[in-house]
Amino acid sequence: MTNRTPPMQDAVLIEAMNRATSLELYQLAALLDRLMTDPRRIVAIRRDLHLGQVVRFYDSRRDTMRSGRITEMRDTHLTVHGTEVNAAWKLPYAAIEPPQRGAAPEPVAPPPPAPARPTRADFKRGDKVAFTDRHLQTHVGVITRCNPKTASVDTGGESWSVPYGGLRHVLDID
């Protein structure tokens, strides 16, 4: 295996590109784009990647390799949050340096479990509850009726039909 200069710093390659016509450069860019978005290449790279993994990637703006943690994986690109710099990059899979074969994957902490959403069984007629409307205004009222999917809540002049998942119990401290 030979130690090669990175392509963007290879003087011979840069000089050859400078001599090419605009049409030749466009044709080369189209060919490279087709090769980089080839599903077989993307699958080969994705096979060794997972969310939360730290990878090295090519930052074309700075012409350098950086490290970052994978935060999102899509069909043709992924999002990486920098470890040295507080920034995020949306990159094609071709910009990722493949991880070393046989390297132990980093342990990923499981996401915290989502809190259970309230159901009809959590409420009864006469309960004092609070909810937030679509204008982000909080209302406090009393449940007057328990329907199959919503509760009727009287807020002192207005009656609201609120899904059980949007209700919160209110404690009355006198």
N, C-alpha and C. Protein backbone atom coordinates (compact mmCIF):
# COMPACT_ATOMS: atom_id res chain seq x y z
N MET A 1 0.86 -1.18 0.00
CA MET A 1 0.00 0.00 0.00
C MET A 1 0.90 1.23 0.00
N THR A 2 0.65 2.14 -0.92
CA THR A 2 1.48 3.34 -1.02
C THR A 2 0.83 4.48 -0.27
N ASN A 3 1.67 5.36 0.22
CA ASN A 3 1.19 6.56 0.92
C ASN A 3 0.94 7.62 -0.14
N ARG A 4 -0.30 7.93 -0.41
CA ARG A 4 -0.67 8.85 -1.48
C ARG A 4 -1.09 10.19 -0.92
N THR A 5 -0.79 11.26 -1.63
CA THR A 5 -1.22 12.60 -1.26
C THR A 5 -2.73 12.69 -1.44
N PRO A 6 -3.46 13.32 -0.51
CA PRO A 6 -4.90 13.49 -0.69
C PRO A 6 -5.20 14.16 -2.03
N PRO A 7 -6.28 13.73 -2.73
CA PRO A 7 -6.57 14.23 -4.08
C PRO A 7 -6.63 15.75 -4.20
N MET A 8 -7.21 16.44 -3.23
CA MET A 8 -7.34 17.88 -3.36
C MET A 8 -6.00 18.60 -3.21
N GLN A 9 -4.97 17.89 -2.80
CA GLN A 9 -3.65 18.50 -2.65
C GLN A 9 -2.65 17.94 -3.67
N ASP A 10 -3.11 17.13 -4.59
CA ASP A 10 -2.26 16.51 -5.61
C ASP A 10 -2.05 17.52 -6.75
N ALA A 11 -0.86 18.10 -6.84
CA ALA A 11 -0.57 19.16 -7.81
C ALA A 11 -0.75 18.69 -9.25
N VAL A 12 -0.37 17.45 -9.58
CA VAL A 12 -0.50 16.94 -10.94
C VAL A 12 -1.98 16.84 -11.33
N LEU A 13 -2.81 16.33 -10.42
CA LEU A 13 -4.23 16.21 -10.70
C LEU A 13 -4.88 17.59 -10.87
N ILE A 14 -4.51 18.52 -10.02
CA ILE A 14 -5.07 19.88 -10.11
C ILE A 14 -4.67 20.52 -11.44
N GLU A 15 -3.43 20.36 -11.86
CA GLU A 15 -2.98 20.92 -13.13
C GLU A 15 -3.73 20.31 -14.31
N ALA A 16 -3.98 18.98 -14.27
CA ALA A 16 -4.73 18.32 -15.34
C ALA A 16 -6.16 18.86 -15.39
N MET A 17 -6.76 19.08 -14.24
CA MET A 17 -8.12 19.62 -14.20
C MET A 17 -8.16 21.05 -14.73
N ASN A 18 -7.14 21.84 -14.46
CA ASN A 18 -7.08 23.22 -14.96
C ASN A 18 -6.99 23.26 -16.48
N ARG A 19 -6.40 22.25 -17.11
CA ARG A 19 -6.27 22.21 -18.57
C ARG A 19 -7.53 21.70 -19.25
N ALA A 20 -8.45 21.08 -18.51
CA ALA A 20 -9.67 20.51 -19.10
C ALA A 20 -10.64 21.63 -19.47
N THR A 21 -11.46 21.37 -20.49
CA THR A 21 -12.48 22.34 -20.88
C THR A 21 -13.64 22.27 -19.89
N SER A 22 -14.49 23.28 -19.93
CA SER A 22 -15.65 23.30 -19.03
C SER A 22 -16.57 22.11 -19.31
N LEU A 23 -16.75 21.76 -20.58
CA LEU A 23 -17.59 20.63 -20.92
C LEU A 23 -16.99 19.34 -20.36
N GLU A 24 -15.69 19.16 -20.49
CA GLU A 24 -15.04 17.96 -19.95
C GLU A 24 -15.20 17.89 -18.43
N LEU A 25 -15.07 19.03 -17.76
CA LEU A 25 -15.26 19.05 -16.30
C LEU A 25 -16.70 18.72 -15.94
N TYR A 26 -17.66 19.23 -16.72
CA TYR A 26 -19.06 18.93 -16.45
C TYR A 26 -19.33 17.44 -16.63
N GLN A 27 -18.80 16.86 -17.72
CA GLN A 27 -18.99 15.42 -17.95
C GLN A 27 -18.36 14.60 -16.83
N LEU A 28 -17.20 15.01 -16.37
CA LEU A 28 -16.54 14.31 -15.27
C LEU A 28 -17.36 14.44 -13.98
N ALA A 29 -17.90 15.63 -13.71
CA ALA A 29 -18.73 15.83 -12.52
C ALA A 29 -19.98 14.95 -12.58
N ALA A 30 -20.61 14.83 -13.75
CA ALA A 30 -21.79 13.99 -13.90
C ALA A 30 -21.44 12.53 -13.66
N LEU A 31 -20.30 12.08 -14.18
CA LEU A 31 -19.86 10.71 -13.97
C LEU A 31 -19.58 10.45 -12.48
N LEU A 32 -18.89 11.38 -11.84
CA LEU A 32 -18.57 11.22 -10.42
C LEU A 32 -19.85 11.20 -9.58
N ASP A 33 -20.81 12.06 -9.91
CA ASP A 33 -22.07 12.10 -9.18
C ASP A 33 -22.80 10.76 -9.31
N ARG A 34 -22.81 10.21 -10.52
CA ARG A 34 -23.45 8.91 -10.75
C ARG A 34 -22.76 7.81 -9.93
N LEU A 35 -21.44 7.84 -9.89
CA LEU A 35 -20.69 6.83 -9.13
C LEU A 35 -20.92 6.98 -7.62
N MET A 36 -20.93 8.22 -7.13
CA MET A 36 -21.08 8.45 -5.68
C MET A 36 -22.48 8.12 -5.18
N THR A 37 -23.49 8.22 -6.06
CA THR A 37 -24.86 7.94 -5.64
C THR A 37 -25.31 6.54 -6.05
N ASP A 38 -24.39 5.70 -6.48
CA ASP A 38 -24.70 4.32 -6.84
C ASP A 38 -25.18 3.60 -5.57
N PRO A 39 -26.39 3.05 -5.58
CA PRO A 39 -26.92 2.39 -4.39
C PRO A 39 -26.00 1.30 -3.81
N ARG A 40 -25.28 0.59 -4.67
CA ARG A 40 -24.37 -0.46 -4.16
C ARG A 40 -23.26 0.14 -3.32
N ARG A 41 -22.74 1.29 -3.74
CA ARG A 41 -21.69 1.95 -2.95
C ARG A 41 -22.26 2.46 -1.62
N ILE A 42 -23.47 3.04 -1.67
CA ILE A 42 -24.09 3.56 -0.45
C ILE A 42 -24.34 2.43 0.54
N VAL A 43 -24.86 1.30 0.06
CA VAL A 43 -25.12 0.16 0.95
C VAL A 43 -23.82 -0.36 1.55
N ALA A 44 -22.75 -0.39 0.76
CA ALA A 44 -21.46 -0.87 1.26
C ALA A 44 -20.94 0.02 2.39
N ILE A 45 -21.18 1.33 2.29
CA ILE A 45 -20.73 2.25 3.34
C ILE A 45 -21.66 2.17 4.55
N ARG A 46 -22.97 2.16 4.30
CA ARG A 46 -23.96 2.14 5.40
C ARG A 46 -23.87 0.88 6.25
N ARG A 47 -23.43 -0.20 5.67
CA ARG A 47 -23.38 -1.49 6.38
C ARG A 47 -22.61 -1.38 7.70
N ASP A 48 -21.58 -0.55 7.74
CA ASP A 48 -20.73 -0.44 8.92
C ASP A 48 -21.02 0.81 9.75
N LEU A 49 -22.12 1.51 9.47
CA LEU A 49 -22.43 2.74 10.20
C LEU A 49 -23.67 2.56 11.05
N HIS A 50 -23.76 3.34 12.13
CA HIS A 50 -24.96 3.35 12.96
C HIS A 50 -25.07 4.72 13.63
N LEU A 51 -26.28 5.05 14.08
CA LEU A 51 -26.51 6.32 14.76
C LEU A 51 -25.65 6.40 16.02
N GLY A 52 -25.08 7.57 16.26
CA GLY A 52 -24.25 7.78 17.44
C GLY A 52 -22.78 7.45 17.22
N GLN A 53 -22.46 6.83 16.11
CA GLN A 53 -21.08 6.44 15.83
C GLN A 53 -20.23 7.65 15.46
N VAL A 54 -18.99 7.68 15.93
CA VAL A 54 -18.06 8.75 15.56
C VAL A 54 -17.32 8.29 14.31
N VAL A 55 -17.33 9.13 13.27
CA VAL A 55 -16.68 8.82 12.00
C VAL A 55 -15.80 9.99 11.56
N ARG A 56 -14.91 9.71 10.64
CA ARG A 56 -14.14 10.77 10.00
C ARG A 56 -14.79 11.05 8.65
N PHE A 57 -14.83 12.35 8.27
CA PHE A 57 -15.45 12.73 7.01
C PHE A 57 -14.66 13.86 6.38
N TYR A 58 -14.87 14.03 5.08
CA TYR A 58 -14.17 15.07 4.33
C TYR A 58 -15.01 16.34 4.33
N ASP A 59 -14.42 17.44 4.84
CA ASP A 59 -15.04 18.76 4.84
C ASP A 59 -14.51 19.50 3.62
N SER A 60 -15.33 19.59 2.56
CA SER A 60 -14.86 20.18 1.30
C SER A 60 -14.61 21.68 1.42
N ARG A 61 -15.29 22.36 2.33
CA ARG A 61 -15.07 23.80 2.49
C ARG A 61 -13.69 24.10 3.04
N ARG A 62 -13.21 23.25 3.92
CA ARG A 62 -11.90 23.47 4.55
C ARG A 62 -10.82 22.55 3.97
N ASP A 63 -11.20 21.67 3.02
CA ASP A 63 -10.27 20.73 2.40
C ASP A 63 -9.49 19.95 3.47
N THR A 64 -10.26 19.38 4.41
CA THR A 64 -9.62 18.65 5.50
C THR A 64 -10.55 17.53 5.98
N MET A 65 -9.98 16.58 6.70
CA MET A 65 -10.76 15.53 7.32
C MET A 65 -11.15 15.99 8.72
N ARG A 66 -12.39 15.70 9.12
CA ARG A 66 -12.90 16.06 10.45
C ARG A 66 -13.52 14.82 11.09
N SER A 67 -13.81 14.94 12.37
CA SER A 67 -14.51 13.88 13.09
C SER A 67 -15.88 14.38 13.50
N GLY A 68 -16.85 13.47 13.50
CA GLY A 68 -18.19 13.84 13.93
C GLY A 68 -19.00 12.62 14.29
N ARG A 69 -20.11 12.86 14.97
CA ARG A 69 -21.01 11.79 15.43
C ARG A 69 -22.22 11.78 14.51
N ILE A 70 -22.60 10.60 14.02
CA ILE A 70 -23.76 10.45 13.13
C ILE A 70 -25.04 10.69 13.94
N THR A 71 -25.84 11.66 13.49
CA THR A 71 -27.09 11.96 14.18
C THR A 71 -28.33 11.59 13.37
N GLU A 72 -28.16 11.39 12.05
CA GLU A 72 -29.30 11.03 11.21
C GLU A 72 -28.79 10.32 9.97
N MET A 73 -29.50 9.27 9.56
CA MET A 73 -29.14 8.54 8.34
C MET A 73 -30.35 8.49 7.42
N ARG A 74 -30.18 8.99 6.20
CA ARG A 74 -31.24 8.98 5.19
C ARG A 74 -30.82 8.07 4.04
N ASP A 75 -31.63 8.03 2.97
CA ASP A 75 -31.33 7.15 1.84
C ASP A 75 -30.03 7.52 1.14
N THR A 76 -29.83 8.82 0.86
CA THR A 76 -28.68 9.22 0.06
C THR A 76 -27.67 10.07 0.82
N HIS A 77 -28.00 10.49 2.05
CA HIS A 77 -27.08 11.32 2.82
C HIS A 77 -27.25 11.06 4.31
N LEU A 78 -26.34 11.58 5.08
CA LEU A 78 -26.43 11.48 6.53
C LEU A 78 -26.04 12.81 7.16
N THR A 79 -26.43 13.00 8.42
CA THR A 79 -26.10 14.22 9.14
C THR A 79 -25.09 13.85 10.21
N VAL A 80 -24.02 14.65 10.28
CA VAL A 80 -22.94 14.42 11.23
C VAL A 80 -22.77 15.68 12.05
N HIS A 81 -22.70 15.54 13.38
CA HIS A 81 -22.44 16.67 14.27
C HIS A 81 -20.97 16.61 14.66
N GLY A 82 -20.25 17.69 14.41
CA GLY A 82 -18.81 17.73 14.65
C GLY A 82 -18.43 17.48 16.10
N THR A 83 -17.30 16.80 16.30
CA THR A 83 -16.81 16.58 17.66
C THR A 83 -15.82 17.67 18.06
N GLU A 84 -15.07 18.23 17.09
CA GLU A 84 -14.12 19.30 17.40
C GLU A 84 -14.78 20.67 17.29
N VAL A 85 -15.74 20.78 16.38
CA VAL A 85 -16.41 22.04 16.09
C VAL A 85 -17.90 21.83 16.32
N ASN A 86 -18.55 22.78 16.96
CA ASN A 86 -19.99 22.67 17.21
C ASN A 86 -20.74 23.07 15.94
N ALA A 87 -20.85 22.12 15.01
CA ALA A 87 -21.55 22.36 13.75
C ALA A 87 -22.09 21.04 13.24
N ALA A 88 -23.03 21.12 12.31
CA ALA A 88 -23.60 19.92 11.71
C ALA A 88 -23.40 19.97 10.20
N TRP A 89 -23.16 18.81 9.61
CA TRP A 89 -22.96 18.69 8.17
C TRP A 89 -23.93 17.66 7.63
N LYS A 90 -24.59 17.98 6.49
CA LYS A 90 -25.36 16.99 5.74
C LYS A 90 -24.45 16.55 4.61
N LEU A 91 -24.10 15.28 4.63
CA LEU A 91 -23.08 14.78 3.71
C LEU A 91 -23.57 13.59 2.91
N PRO A 92 -23.07 13.44 1.68
CA PRO A 92 -23.34 12.18 0.98
C PRO A 92 -22.50 11.09 1.65
N TYR A 93 -22.93 9.85 1.52
CA TYR A 93 -22.19 8.75 2.14
C TYR A 93 -20.75 8.65 1.61
N ALA A 94 -20.52 9.14 0.39
CA ALA A 94 -19.18 9.08 -0.18
C ALA A 94 -18.18 9.93 0.59
N ALA A 95 -18.64 10.91 1.38
CA ALA A 95 -17.74 11.79 2.13
C ALA A 95 -17.25 11.14 3.42
N ILE A 96 -17.78 9.97 3.77
CA ILE A 96 -17.43 9.30 5.01
C ILE A 96 -16.26 8.35 4.79
N GLU A 97 -15.29 8.42 5.68
CA GLU A 97 -14.19 7.45 5.64
C GLU A 97 -14.70 6.16 6.25
N PRO A 98 -14.67 5.06 5.49
CA PRO A 98 -15.20 3.80 6.04
C PRO A 98 -14.47 3.41 7.33
N PRO A 99 -15.21 2.92 8.33
CA PRO A 99 -14.56 2.49 9.57
C PRO A 99 -13.66 1.28 9.30
N GLN A 100 -12.66 1.10 10.15
CA GLN A 100 -11.74 -0.03 10.01
C GLN A 100 -12.51 -1.33 10.19
N ARG A 101 -12.24 -2.32 9.34
CA ARG A 101 -12.88 -3.63 9.45
C ARG A 101 -12.43 -4.29 10.74
N GLY A 102 -13.36 -4.88 11.44
CA GLY A 102 -13.03 -5.60 12.67
C GLY A 102 -12.90 -4.70 13.88
N ALA A 103 -13.01 -3.37 13.69
CA ALA A 103 -12.92 -2.47 14.84
C ALA A 103 -14.19 -2.63 15.67
N ALA A 104 -14.02 -2.63 16.98
CA ALA A 104 -15.16 -2.80 17.87
C ALA A 104 -16.06 -1.57 17.77
N PRO A 105 -17.35 -1.76 17.55
CA PRO A 105 -18.25 -0.60 17.48
C PRO A 105 -18.38 0.06 18.85
N GLU A 106 -18.55 1.39 18.81
CA GLU A 106 -18.72 2.13 20.06
C GLU A 106 -20.07 1.80 20.67
N PRO A 107 -20.12 1.65 21.99
CA PRO A 107 -21.43 1.42 22.60
C PRO A 107 -22.28 2.68 22.50
N VAL A 108 -23.54 2.50 22.20
CA VAL A 108 -24.46 3.63 22.08
C VAL A 108 -25.46 3.55 23.22
N ALA A 109 -25.60 4.65 23.93
CA ALA A 109 -26.56 4.69 25.03
C ALA A 109 -27.97 4.65 24.45
N PRO A 110 -28.83 3.79 25.00
CA PRO A 110 -30.20 3.74 24.46
C PRO A 110 -30.94 5.03 24.78
N PRO A 111 -31.82 5.45 23.88
CA PRO A 111 -32.58 6.68 24.14
C PRO A 111 -33.48 6.48 25.35
N PRO A 112 -33.73 7.55 26.11
CA PRO A 112 -34.60 7.41 27.28
C PRO A 112 -36.02 7.05 26.83
N PRO A 113 -36.71 6.21 27.60
CA PRO A 113 -38.06 5.84 27.18
C PRO A 113 -38.99 7.05 27.21
N ALA A 114 -39.89 7.08 26.24
CA ALA A 114 -40.85 8.19 26.17
C ALA A 114 -41.86 8.03 27.30
N PRO A 115 -42.25 9.15 27.92
CA PRO A 115 -43.25 9.05 28.99
C PRO A 115 -44.57 8.54 28.42
N ALA A 116 -45.26 7.73 29.21
CA ALA A 116 -46.53 7.16 28.76
C ALA A 116 -47.58 8.27 28.61
N ARG A 117 -48.31 8.23 27.52
CA ARG A 117 -49.35 9.23 27.29
C ARG A 117 -50.59 8.85 28.09
N PRO A 118 -51.25 9.83 28.69
CA PRO A 118 -52.45 9.53 29.47
C PRO A 118 -53.55 8.94 28.58
N THR A 119 -54.35 8.09 29.18
CA THR A 119 -55.48 7.48 28.47
C THR A 119 -56.77 7.79 29.22
N ARG A 120 -57.87 7.33 28.69
CA ARG A 120 -59.17 7.56 29.32
C ARG A 120 -59.20 7.01 30.74
N ALA A 121 -58.51 5.91 30.97
CA ALA A 121 -58.50 5.28 32.29
C ALA A 121 -57.86 6.16 33.36
N ASP A 122 -57.05 7.15 32.96
CA ASP A 122 -56.36 8.02 33.91
C ASP A 122 -57.25 9.17 34.42
N PHE A 123 -58.43 9.36 33.84
CA PHE A 123 -59.27 10.50 34.19
C PHE A 123 -60.69 10.05 34.50
N LYS A 124 -61.40 10.86 35.29
CA LYS A 124 -62.81 10.61 35.57
C LYS A 124 -63.53 11.96 35.66
N ARG A 125 -64.83 11.89 35.60
CA ARG A 125 -65.66 13.10 35.69
C ARG A 125 -65.40 13.80 37.03
N GLY A 126 -65.21 15.14 36.98
CA GLY A 126 -64.95 15.92 38.18
C GLY A 126 -63.48 16.20 38.43
N ASP A 127 -62.56 15.53 37.67
CA ASP A 127 -61.12 15.78 37.84
C ASP A 127 -60.78 17.19 37.36
N LYS A 128 -59.88 17.85 38.12
CA LYS A 128 -59.38 19.17 37.70
C LYS A 128 -58.17 18.92 36.81
N VAL A 129 -58.19 19.47 35.59
CA VAL A 129 -57.15 19.22 34.61
C VAL A 129 -56.68 20.52 33.95
N ALA A 130 -55.53 20.43 33.31
CA ALA A 130 -55.01 21.55 32.52
C ALA A 130 -54.67 21.00 31.13
N PHE A 131 -54.70 21.87 30.14
CA PHE A 131 -54.32 21.51 28.77
C PHE A 131 -53.86 22.77 28.05
N THR A 132 -53.16 22.58 26.96
CA THR A 132 -52.66 23.69 26.15
C THR A 132 -53.39 23.66 24.81
N ASP A 133 -53.95 24.80 24.40
CA ASP A 133 -54.66 24.84 23.12
C ASP A 133 -53.69 25.05 21.95
N ARG A 134 -54.23 25.13 20.74
CA ARG A 134 -53.38 25.25 19.55
C ARG A 134 -52.63 26.57 19.48
N HIS A 135 -53.05 27.55 20.29
CA HIS A 135 -52.36 28.85 20.34
C HIS A 135 -51.37 28.91 21.50
N LEU A 136 -51.10 27.74 22.09
CA LEU A 136 -50.14 27.58 23.20
C LEU A 136 -50.59 28.29 24.47
N GLN A 137 -51.90 28.46 24.62
CA GLN A 137 -52.47 29.03 25.84
C GLN A 137 -52.86 27.88 26.76
N THR A 138 -52.49 27.97 28.03
CA THR A 138 -52.84 26.93 28.99
C THR A 138 -54.20 27.26 29.61
N HIS A 139 -55.05 26.25 29.69
CA HIS A 139 -56.38 26.39 30.27
C HIS A 139 -56.52 25.37 31.40
N VAL A 140 -57.24 25.76 32.46
CA VAL A 140 -57.52 24.88 33.58
C VAL A 140 -59.03 24.74 33.69
N GLY A 141 -59.49 23.51 33.90
CA GLY A 141 -60.93 23.29 34.00
C GLY A 141 -61.24 21.98 34.68
N VAL A 142 -62.50 21.61 34.62
CA VAL A 142 -63.00 20.39 35.26
C VAL A 142 -63.62 19.51 34.17
N ILE A 143 -63.33 18.21 34.24
CA ILE A 143 -63.91 17.27 33.27
C ILE A 143 -65.39 17.12 33.60
N THR A 144 -66.24 17.38 32.59
CA THR A 144 -67.69 17.25 32.77
C THR A 144 -68.22 15.97 32.13
N ARG A 145 -67.46 15.42 31.17
CA ARG A 145 -67.91 14.21 30.49
C ARG A 145 -66.71 13.48 29.92
N CYS A 146 -66.69 12.14 30.02
CA CYS A 146 -65.62 11.31 29.47
C CYS A 146 -66.15 10.59 28.24
N ASN A 147 -65.73 11.03 27.08
CA ASN A 147 -66.11 10.42 25.81
C ASN A 147 -65.07 9.35 25.46
N PRO A 148 -65.30 8.53 24.43
CA PRO A 148 -64.32 7.48 24.10
C PRO A 148 -62.91 8.01 23.80
N LYS A 149 -62.79 9.10 23.03
CA LYS A 149 -61.47 9.60 22.65
C LYS A 149 -61.10 10.94 23.28
N THR A 150 -62.11 11.69 23.72
CA THR A 150 -61.86 13.02 24.28
C THR A 150 -62.63 13.21 25.57
N ALA A 151 -62.21 14.19 26.33
CA ALA A 151 -62.93 14.58 27.54
C ALA A 151 -63.51 15.97 27.30
N SER A 152 -64.74 16.17 27.78
CA SER A 152 -65.33 17.51 27.73
C SER A 152 -64.86 18.24 28.99
N VAL A 153 -64.22 19.40 28.80
CA VAL A 153 -63.64 20.15 29.92
C VAL A 153 -64.29 21.52 29.98
N ASP A 154 -64.84 21.86 31.15
CA ASP A 154 -65.45 23.18 31.37
C ASP A 154 -64.40 24.06 32.03
N THR A 155 -64.07 25.17 31.38
CA THR A 155 -63.04 26.09 31.91
C THR A 155 -63.68 27.32 32.56
N GLY A 156 -64.94 27.23 32.90
CA GLY A 156 -65.61 28.38 33.53
C GLY A 156 -66.17 29.31 32.48
N GLY A 157 -67.07 28.84 31.69
CA GLY A 157 -67.67 29.68 30.65
C GLY A 157 -67.50 29.07 29.28
N GLU A 158 -66.44 28.33 29.06
CA GLU A 158 -66.20 27.68 27.78
C GLU A 158 -66.11 26.18 27.99
N SER A 159 -66.57 25.42 26.99
CA SER A 159 -66.45 23.97 27.05
C SER A 159 -65.52 23.53 25.92
N TRP A 160 -64.57 22.66 26.25
CA TRP A 160 -63.58 22.20 25.29
C TRP A 160 -63.66 20.68 25.18
N SER A 161 -63.39 20.18 23.99
CA SER A 161 -63.27 18.75 23.77
C SER A 161 -61.77 18.48 23.58
N VAL A 162 -61.15 17.80 24.55
CA VAL A 162 -59.70 17.65 24.56
C VAL A 162 -59.32 16.16 24.55
N PRO A 163 -58.40 15.74 23.66
CA PRO A 163 -57.93 14.35 23.69
C PRO A 163 -57.25 14.05 25.03
N TYR A 164 -57.39 12.82 25.51
CA TYR A 164 -56.82 12.47 26.81
C TYR A 164 -55.30 12.66 26.85
N GLY A 165 -54.63 12.46 25.73
CA GLY A 165 -53.17 12.64 25.68
C GLY A 165 -52.73 14.07 25.93
N GLY A 166 -53.64 15.03 25.76
CA GLY A 166 -53.30 16.44 25.97
C GLY A 166 -53.64 16.96 27.36
N LEU A 167 -54.21 16.12 28.20
CA LEU A 167 -54.62 16.55 29.54
C LEU A 167 -53.54 16.27 30.58
N ARG A 168 -53.49 17.14 31.61
CA ARG A 168 -52.60 16.95 32.76
C ARG A 168 -53.43 17.16 34.01
N HIS A 169 -53.21 16.33 35.01
CA HIS A 169 -53.92 16.50 36.29
C HIS A 169 -53.41 17.76 36.97
N VAL A 170 -54.30 18.46 37.66
CA VAL A 170 -53.95 19.64 38.45
C VAL A 170 -54.27 19.35 39.90
N LEU A 171 -53.34 19.61 40.78
CA LEU A 171 -53.56 19.41 42.21
C LEU A 171 -54.07 20.72 42.80
N ASP A 172 -55.15 20.62 43.54
CA ASP A 172 -55.72 21.80 44.22
C ASP A 172 -55.12 21.89 45.61
N ILE A 173 -54.36 22.93 45.88
CA ILE A 173 -53.75 23.12 47.20
C ILE A 173 -54.48 24.31 47.85
N ASP A 174 -55.25 24.02 48.86
CA ASP A 174 -56.03 25.08 49.54
C ASP A 174 -55.41 25.42 50.86
